[in-house]
Amino acid sequence: VTNYLLEKSRTVKPGTGERNFHIFYQLVQGADTNLRKNLGLAQGADQYPTLSTCLTVDGHDDGEDFRETKQALDDVGVPANAIH
């Protein structure tokens, strides 16, 4: 698990071709319908205007990245009920 420090300006308004809060894109694209519903999330990142500056990144599959993140959390011992 890697931590990133973000400059405040990049968090509020990322530059062209940049994204912030990568896990949110992963969650919206990778979570099943039930989890998205339970969390009150839309069906895709395009439903969030503030995220629309860069919805995808070449070479990254947000759905697959979400599954890998969930597996990494499981690998380090985070309980399944905390991961959803």
Protein backbone atom coordinates (compact mmCIF):
# COMPACT_ATOMS: atom_id res chain seq x y z
CA VAL A 1 0.00 0.00 0.00
CA THR A 2 1.46 3.32 -1.05
CA ASN A 3 0.57 6.76 0.33
CA TYR A 4 0.70 9.90 -1.76
CA LEU A 5 0.82 13.49 -0.58
CA LEU A 6 -1.12 15.82 -2.83
CA GLU A 7 -0.77 19.55 -3.10
CA LYS A 8 -4.02 21.26 -2.13
CA SER A 9 -4.35 22.92 -5.55
CA ARG A 10 -3.94 19.57 -7.33
CA THR A 11 -6.57 17.97 -5.11
CA VAL A 12 -9.15 20.66 -5.76
CA LYS A 13 -8.41 21.18 -9.45
CA PRO A 14 -6.06 18.68 -11.09
CA GLY A 15 -4.20 19.72 -14.21
CA THR A 16 -5.22 18.65 -17.68
CA GLY A 17 -4.69 14.93 -18.07
CA GLU A 18 -4.28 14.41 -14.30
CA ARG A 19 -6.60 12.79 -11.79
CA ASN A 20 -6.87 12.96 -8.04
CA PHE A 21 -8.18 10.37 -5.60
CA HIS A 22 -7.46 7.42 -7.90
CA ILE A 23 -9.25 5.04 -5.56
CA PHE A 24 -12.51 6.88 -6.23
CA TYR A 25 -12.24 6.25 -9.98
CA GLN A 26 -11.38 2.63 -9.21
CA LEU A 27 -14.33 2.29 -6.84
CA VAL A 28 -16.86 3.83 -9.21
CA GLN A 29 -15.66 1.71 -12.14
CA GLY A 30 -14.87 -1.50 -10.25
CA ALA A 31 -17.46 -1.87 -7.52
CA ASP A 32 -20.43 -4.09 -8.19
CA THR A 33 -23.89 -2.55 -8.46
CA ASN A 34 -24.82 -3.48 -4.90
CA LEU A 35 -21.75 -1.82 -3.37
CA ARG A 36 -22.23 1.33 -5.47
CA LYS A 37 -25.87 1.46 -4.37
CA ASN A 38 -24.97 0.98 -0.69
CA LEU A 39 -22.41 3.78 -0.94
CA GLY A 40 -24.74 6.06 -2.93
CA LEU A 41 -22.39 6.17 -5.92
CA ALA A 42 -23.29 6.78 -9.55
CA GLN A 43 -22.68 4.17 -12.25
CA GLY A 44 -19.52 5.80 -13.59
CA ALA A 45 -16.99 8.60 -13.06
CA ASP A 46 -18.58 10.54 -15.92
CA GLN A 47 -21.55 11.21 -13.61
CA TYR A 48 -19.33 13.47 -11.48
CA PRO A 49 -18.63 16.76 -13.29
CA THR A 50 -15.66 17.63 -11.07
CA LEU A 51 -13.93 14.42 -12.17
CA SER A 52 -14.55 14.89 -15.86
CA THR A 53 -11.19 16.49 -16.69
CA CYS A 54 -9.61 13.05 -17.05
CA LEU A 55 -11.88 10.01 -16.79
CA THR A 56 -9.42 7.42 -18.05
CA VAL A 57 -5.67 6.91 -18.14
CA ASP A 58 -4.01 5.01 -20.97
CA GLY A 59 -2.80 1.64 -19.79
CA HIS A 60 -4.99 1.59 -16.67
CA ASP A 61 -8.18 -0.37 -16.15
CA ASP A 62 -9.82 1.19 -13.10
CA GLY A 63 -12.03 -1.84 -12.56
CA GLU A 64 -9.03 -4.17 -12.54
CA ASP A 65 -7.08 -1.75 -10.35
CA PHE A 66 -9.97 -1.82 -7.85
CA ARG A 67 -9.87 -5.61 -7.72
CA GLU A 68 -6.10 -5.50 -7.18
CA THR A 69 -6.53 -2.92 -4.40
CA LYS A 70 -9.10 -5.13 -2.67
CA GLN A 71 -6.73 -8.11 -2.97
CA ALA A 72 -3.83 -6.06 -1.56
CA LEU A 73 -5.95 -5.06 1.44
CA ASP A 74 -6.86 -8.70 1.97
CA ASP A 75 -3.18 -9.69 1.63
CA VAL A 76 -2.14 -7.34 4.45
CA GLY A 77 -4.90 -8.62 6.72
CA VAL A 78 -7.66 -6.05 6.44
CA PRO A 79 -10.87 -7.91 7.35
CA ALA A 80 -13.23 -8.63 4.44
CA ASN A 81 -16.13 -6.79 6.15
CA ALA A 82 -13.97 -3.64 6.25
CA ILE A 83 -13.16 -3.92 2.54
CA HIS A 84 -16.74 -4.56 1.40
